[in-house]
């Protein structure tokens, strides 16, 4: 019995390290194992042009992928992917049929290879958008008396559905507290909109009587 105990306890820490390294190698080998899988995924069609998608069908895709087991499991758990649509798909509003190409499917891992996708065609309901230039309204709190405010640029271009274009007359900035800001100063502030807007940020110039120095703030 003593002999067995001596064999077990001899160089015990080396044996423990060997077991740990073996487990690590097994774990790495398992997660880097390449495999194939067929997944049923929800997807979101993403517009890359001057239009938006109000509906689409079918709601799910069946994809065949090849890649590392760990990444495929992660993709399966997420359960959703993106389909990037072409810039110009229709001149009119309404339903459009599109051939579903593999290059349109955006997967979260570049190492996952998309081998097949079903169905071969999807339908999307398109609403064309129009560009409208609108003034920018600055949202500031704590503005001191006598401080002048200007924005660069002083207008933004908004992509709007045709039936709402007349309703949108301006775009507001994010609200900023400037009570502790001493002019002259420049603040970079984002724009708030339910629609796509360019630019996404503007510069707000606070100008006072003494403009010998200028500080720049970035939010």
Protein backbone atom coordinates (compact mmCIF):
# COMPACT_ATOMS: atom_id res chain seq x y z
CA UNK A 1 0.00 0.00 0.00
CA UNK A 2 2.85 2.35 0.83
CA UNK A 3 4.42 1.57 -2.52
CA UNK A 4 1.22 2.53 -4.36
CA UNK A 5 0.94 5.72 -2.32
CA UNK A 6 4.53 6.61 -3.14
CA UNK A 7 3.93 6.07 -6.86
CA UNK A 8 0.83 8.29 -6.77
CA UNK A 9 2.41 11.11 -4.76
CA UNK A 10 5.78 11.03 -6.49
CA UNK A 11 6.19 14.22 -8.58
CA UNK A 12 2.54 14.98 -7.82
CA UNK A 13 2.62 18.59 -9.04
CA UNK A 14 3.99 17.49 -12.43
CA UNK A 15 1.16 15.01 -12.77
CA UNK A 16 -1.41 17.68 -11.92
CA UNK A 17 0.10 20.03 -14.51
CA UNK A 18 -0.01 17.24 -17.09
CA UNK A 19 -3.72 16.72 -16.45
CA UNK A 20 -4.40 20.47 -16.67
CA UNK A 21 -2.50 20.80 -19.94
CA UNK A 22 -4.31 17.76 -21.34
CA UNK A 23 -7.67 19.33 -20.47
CA UNK A 24 -6.65 22.65 -22.04
CA UNK A 25 -5.55 20.94 -25.24
CA UNK A 26 -8.81 18.99 -25.36
CA UNK A 27 -10.80 22.20 -24.83
CA UNK A 28 -8.91 24.05 -27.56
CA UNK A 29 -9.17 21.13 -29.97
CA UNK A 30 -12.91 20.84 -29.35
CA UNK A 31 -13.59 24.54 -29.96
CA UNK A 32 -11.38 24.67 -33.06
CA UNK A 33 -12.95 21.57 -34.54
CA UNK A 34 -14.38 22.26 -38.00
CA UNK A 35 -17.89 21.05 -38.60
CA UNK A 36 -20.94 21.53 -40.81
CA UNK A 37 -24.42 22.43 -39.64
CA UNK A 38 -27.83 23.27 -41.05
CA UNK A 39 -29.47 26.11 -39.12
CA UNK A 40 -32.89 27.72 -39.22
CA UNK A 41 -32.39 31.45 -38.68
CA UNK A 42 -34.45 34.59 -38.32
CA UNK A 43 -33.10 37.45 -40.38
CA UNK A 44 -33.35 41.21 -40.80
CA UNK A 45 -33.30 42.74 -44.30
CA UNK A 46 -31.06 45.84 -44.26
CA UNK A 47 -31.49 48.64 -46.78
CA UNK A 48 -28.35 50.04 -48.40
CA UNK A 49 -30.18 52.65 -50.50
CA UNK A 50 -32.75 55.45 -50.33
CA UNK A 51 -35.59 53.19 -49.22
CA UNK A 52 -36.75 51.28 -46.18
CA UNK A 53 -38.27 47.85 -45.69
CA UNK A 54 -41.71 47.81 -44.05
CA UNK A 55 -42.35 44.06 -44.37
CA UNK A 56 -40.76 40.92 -45.76
CA UNK A 57 -41.40 37.21 -46.28
CA UNK A 58 -40.57 34.51 -45.47
CA UNK A 59 -39.42 35.39 -41.94
CA UNK A 60 -36.83 32.63 -41.62
CA UNK A 61 -33.95 31.21 -43.68
CA UNK A 62 -32.40 27.77 -43.75
CA UNK A 63 -28.63 27.96 -44.10
CA UNK A 64 -25.88 25.39 -44.35
CA UNK A 65 -22.61 26.56 -42.82
CA UNK A 66 -19.12 25.24 -42.21
CA UNK A 67 -16.73 26.51 -39.56
CA UNK A 68 -15.46 26.19 -36.02
CA UNK A 69 -17.87 24.35 -33.77
CA UNK A 70 -17.79 27.05 -31.07
CA UNK A 71 -18.66 29.83 -33.53
CA UNK A 72 -21.46 27.84 -35.15
CA UNK A 73 -22.94 27.16 -31.70
CA UNK A 74 -22.75 30.88 -30.96
CA UNK A 75 -24.48 31.66 -34.26
CA UNK A 76 -27.21 29.14 -33.45
CA UNK A 77 -27.76 30.71 -30.02
CA UNK A 78 -28.07 34.20 -31.50
CA UNK A 79 -30.65 32.89 -33.93
CA UNK A 80 -30.58 35.96 -36.18
CA UNK A 81 -28.56 37.21 -39.14
CA UNK A 82 -28.66 40.18 -41.52
CA UNK A 83 -29.41 40.25 -45.23
CA UNK A 84 -27.86 43.30 -46.92
CA UNK A 85 -30.06 44.39 -49.82
CA UNK A 86 -28.77 46.10 -53.01
CA UNK A 87 -28.86 49.93 -53.21
CA UNK A 88 -31.49 50.03 -55.96
CA UNK A 89 -34.18 47.37 -55.94
CA UNK A 90 -37.30 49.19 -57.17
CA UNK A 91 -38.47 52.49 -58.63
CA UNK A 92 -41.84 52.21 -56.93
CA UNK A 93 -43.33 51.44 -53.54
CA UNK A 94 -44.65 47.93 -52.90
CA UNK A 95 -43.56 44.30 -52.91
CA UNK A 96 -40.38 43.29 -54.73
CA UNK A 97 -38.99 39.79 -55.33
CA UNK A 98 -35.24 39.40 -54.88
CA UNK A 99 -32.91 36.54 -55.64
CA UNK A 100 -31.12 35.66 -52.42
CA UNK A 101 -27.38 35.47 -53.06
CA UNK A 102 -24.85 34.16 -50.56
CA UNK A 103 -22.89 37.43 -50.63
CA UNK A 104 -25.97 39.22 -49.29
CA UNK A 105 -25.90 37.17 -46.06
CA UNK A 106 -23.90 38.83 -43.26
CA UNK A 107 -22.65 36.36 -40.65
CA UNK A 108 -21.07 37.44 -37.34
CA UNK A 109 -17.86 35.44 -37.95
CA UNK A 110 -15.68 35.74 -41.05
CA UNK A 111 -14.38 32.20 -40.45
CA UNK A 112 -17.84 30.68 -40.99
CA UNK A 113 -18.35 29.66 -44.60
CA UNK A 114 -21.91 29.88 -45.95
CA UNK A 115 -22.42 26.92 -48.26
CA UNK A 116 -26.15 27.00 -49.03
CA UNK A 117 -29.20 29.14 -48.32
CA UNK A 118 -32.90 28.42 -48.73
CA UNK A 119 -35.18 29.77 -50.08
CA UNK A 120 -33.49 31.12 -53.19
CA UNK A 121 -35.81 34.13 -53.27
CA UNK A 122 -37.34 36.53 -50.74
CA UNK A 123 -39.98 39.26 -51.03
CA UNK A 124 -39.63 42.68 -49.43
CA UNK A 125 -42.08 45.56 -49.20
CA UNK A 126 -40.29 48.75 -50.21
CA UNK A 127 -41.07 52.32 -49.22
CA UNK A 128 -39.09 54.86 -51.19
CA UNK A 129 -37.48 57.71 -49.26
CA UNK A 130 -36.90 61.28 -50.34
CA UNK A 131 -34.08 63.61 -49.26
CA UNK A 132 -35.02 66.79 -47.49
CA UNK A 133 -32.70 69.52 -46.18
CA UNK A 134 -33.90 70.90 -42.85
CA UNK A 135 -32.44 73.38 -40.35
CA UNK A 136 -30.79 72.16 -37.14
CA UNK A 137 -32.22 73.26 -33.82
CA UNK A 138 -29.72 73.29 -30.96
CA UNK A 139 -30.76 71.81 -27.60
CA UNK A 140 -28.68 73.51 -24.89
CA UNK A 141 -29.28 74.02 -21.20
CA UNK A 142 -27.41 76.41 -18.90
CA UNK A 143 -26.57 78.81 -21.73
CA UNK A 144 -25.25 82.07 -20.29
CA UNK A 145 -26.65 85.43 -21.36
CA UNK A 146 -24.78 87.09 -24.19
CA UNK A 147 -23.26 83.87 -25.58
CA UNK A 148 -23.79 83.43 -29.31
CA UNK A 149 -24.50 79.98 -30.74
CA UNK A 150 -23.90 78.72 -34.26
CA UNK A 151 -23.69 75.27 -35.82
CA UNK A 152 -21.53 73.90 -38.62
CA UNK A 153 -23.23 72.79 -40.75
CA UNK A 154 -26.48 74.61 -39.97
CA UNK A 155 -28.69 72.12 -41.81
CA UNK A 156 -29.04 68.37 -42.18
CA UNK A 157 -30.29 66.06 -44.92
CA UNK A 158 -32.96 63.60 -43.78
CA UNK A 159 -34.23 60.54 -45.66
CA UNK A 160 -38.02 60.51 -45.23
CA UNK A 161 -41.04 58.61 -46.53
CA UNK A 162 -42.84 60.74 -49.10
CA UNK A 163 -46.02 60.95 -47.03
CA UNK A 164 -44.18 62.43 -44.01
CA UNK A 165 -41.75 64.74 -45.81
CA UNK A 166 -43.93 67.81 -45.25
CA UNK A 167 -44.23 67.09 -41.51
CA UNK A 168 -40.50 67.21 -40.72
CA UNK A 169 -39.36 70.83 -40.58
CA UNK A 170 -36.18 70.54 -38.47
CA UNK A 171 -33.77 68.19 -36.71
CA UNK A 172 -32.70 68.64 -33.09
CA UNK A 173 -29.34 68.02 -31.51
CA UNK A 174 -28.82 65.95 -28.40
CA UNK A 175 -29.37 68.01 -25.28
CA UNK A 176 -26.14 69.32 -23.75
CA UNK A 177 -25.57 71.17 -20.48
CA UNK A 178 -23.17 74.08 -21.15
CA UNK A 179 -23.46 75.79 -17.77
CA UNK A 180 -19.81 74.90 -17.00
CA UNK A 181 -18.49 75.64 -20.51
CA UNK A 182 -16.64 78.92 -20.91
CA UNK A 183 -16.74 80.44 -24.41
CA UNK A 184 -15.18 80.48 -26.87
CA UNK A 185 -15.64 76.72 -27.21
CA UNK A 186 -16.59 74.05 -29.72
CA UNK A 187 -18.74 71.03 -28.94
CA UNK A 188 -19.32 68.03 -31.18
CA UNK A 189 -22.90 66.88 -30.68
CA UNK A 190 -25.03 64.14 -32.26
CA UNK A 191 -28.34 64.68 -34.03
CA UNK A 192 -31.58 63.03 -32.92
CA UNK A 193 -33.90 61.62 -35.56
CA UNK A 194 -36.14 58.62 -36.16
CA UNK A 195 -34.87 58.62 -39.74
CA UNK A 196 -31.49 58.36 -41.40
CA UNK A 197 -29.78 61.73 -41.22
CA UNK A 198 -26.53 63.17 -42.55
CA UNK A 199 -24.33 64.33 -40.97
CA UNK A 200 -24.80 62.37 -37.78
CA UNK A 201 -22.91 64.97 -35.73
CA UNK A 202 -22.47 68.73 -35.92
CA UNK A 203 -20.14 71.25 -34.31
CA UNK A 204 -21.68 73.84 -32.01
CA UNK A 205 -19.67 77.04 -31.59
CA UNK A 206 -20.17 79.05 -28.40
CA UNK A 207 -18.88 82.56 -28.90
CA UNK A 208 -18.53 85.27 -26.26
CA UNK A 209 -16.89 88.65 -26.02
CA UNK A 210 -13.39 87.25 -25.40
CA UNK A 211 -12.53 84.94 -28.28
CA UNK A 212 -8.75 84.93 -27.88
CA UNK A 213 -8.74 81.25 -26.89
CA UNK A 214 -10.79 78.25 -27.94
CA UNK A 215 -11.41 74.98 -26.22
CA UNK A 216 -12.67 71.87 -28.00
CA UNK A 217 -14.95 69.36 -26.32
CA UNK A 218 -15.94 65.98 -27.74
CA UNK A 219 -19.05 64.15 -26.47
